[in-house]
Protein backbone atom coordinates (compact mmCIF):
# COMPACT_ATOMS: atom_id res chain seq x y z
CA MET A 1 -3.94 19.04 11.17
CA ALA A 2 -5.85 20.11 8.11
CA GLY A 3 -5.18 16.79 6.34
CA MET A 4 -7.12 14.81 8.93
CA ARG A 5 -10.89 14.64 9.00
CA LYS A 6 -13.72 12.79 10.65
CA ILE A 7 -16.13 10.93 8.36
CA SER A 8 -19.51 9.33 8.89
CA TRP A 9 -19.44 5.52 9.01
CA ASP A 10 -22.75 5.55 7.12
CA ALA A 11 -20.64 6.31 4.04
CA MET A 12 -18.46 3.21 4.57
CA PRO A 13 -19.68 -0.26 3.53
CA THR A 14 -20.27 -2.55 6.50
CA HIS A 15 -19.14 -6.13 7.03
CA VAL A 16 -16.48 -6.10 4.33
CA PRO A 17 -14.13 -9.09 4.77
CA CYS A 18 -10.54 -8.51 5.84
CA THR A 19 -8.26 -8.23 2.82
CA CYS A 20 -5.66 -10.53 4.41
CA CYS A 21 -7.60 -13.31 6.19
CA GLN A 22 -11.18 -12.83 4.89
CA ALA A 23 -12.61 -12.55 8.45
CA THR A 24 -16.02 -10.85 8.61
CA GLY A 25 -18.25 -9.46 11.32
CA CYS A 26 -17.21 -5.86 11.99
CA GLN A 27 -16.36 -2.59 10.31
CA TRP A 28 -12.60 -3.03 10.00
CA ASP A 29 -10.06 -0.23 9.74
CA ARG A 30 -9.04 0.62 6.19
CA VAL A 31 -5.47 0.94 4.89
CA ALA A 32 -5.23 2.34 1.34
CA GLY A 33 -8.96 1.63 1.03
CA LYS A 34 -8.61 -2.06 1.94
CA ALA A 35 -10.27 -3.52 5.05
CA ILE A 36 -7.89 -5.06 7.60
CA CYS A 37 -8.91 -6.73 10.87
CA PRO A 38 -7.17 -6.07 14.21
CA ASP A 39 -5.51 -9.51 14.23
CA CYS A 40 -3.90 -8.94 10.82
CA GLN A 41 -2.82 -5.42 11.85
CA GLU A 42 -1.10 -6.89 14.90
CA GLU A 43 0.64 -9.54 12.78
CA LEU A 44 1.93 -6.79 10.45
CA ALA A 45 3.15 -4.70 13.40
CA LEU A 46 4.99 -7.70 14.85
CA GLY A 47 6.56 -8.53 11.48
CA ARG A 48 4.85 -11.91 11.28
CA GLY A 49 2.18 -11.09 8.68
CA GLU A 50 2.47 -11.15 4.92
CA PRO A 51 3.80 -7.85 3.56
CA PHE A 52 1.09 -5.28 2.86
CA ILE A 53 2.35 -3.48 -0.24
CA GLU A 54 0.46 -0.48 -1.62
CA ARG A 55 1.35 2.57 -3.68
CA THR A 56 1.56 5.82 -1.77
CA GLU A 57 -0.48 8.87 -2.69
CA GLU A 58 1.39 12.00 -3.71
CA HIS A 59 0.46 14.01 -0.63
CA ARG A 60 2.56 15.23 2.28
CA CYS A 61 2.06 13.66 5.69
CA THR A 62 0.06 15.89 8.04
CA ILE A 63 2.38 15.08 10.93
CA CYS A 64 5.92 14.92 9.51
CA SER A 65 5.49 16.57 6.06
CA HIS A 66 7.16 13.59 4.33
CA LEU A 67 6.04 13.13 0.71
CA GLY A 68 4.05 9.95 0.08
CA THR A 69 1.18 8.81 2.29
CA LEU A 70 -1.22 5.89 2.69
CA ARG A 71 -4.80 6.69 3.52
CA TYR A 72 -5.74 5.18 6.90
CA VAL A 73 -9.31 5.12 8.22
CA THR A 74 -9.82 3.78 11.75
CA VAL A 75 -12.97 2.73 13.56
CA SER A 76 -13.53 4.23 16.99
CA ALA A 77 -13.67 1.70 19.80
CA HIS A 78 -16.98 3.30 20.74
CA ALA A 79 -18.49 3.41 17.23
CA ASN A 80 -22.18 2.64 16.90
């Protein structure tokens, strides 16, 4: 999976508010470079949240090779 990599969280800004609900307090996951809290992610997954519309990047998916991806950065549950 050459398209996946591990980055240092020191490079990511901390305590950025959630793009959807403006909640603060943690290093949220990033979707297309935008911070999104776990509650808003769950609402999106359940189809109850506001649509999260972003342009895809012109890269092939590492897993399925489909053209058009969104960058997704996730925080480890055991992150410092």
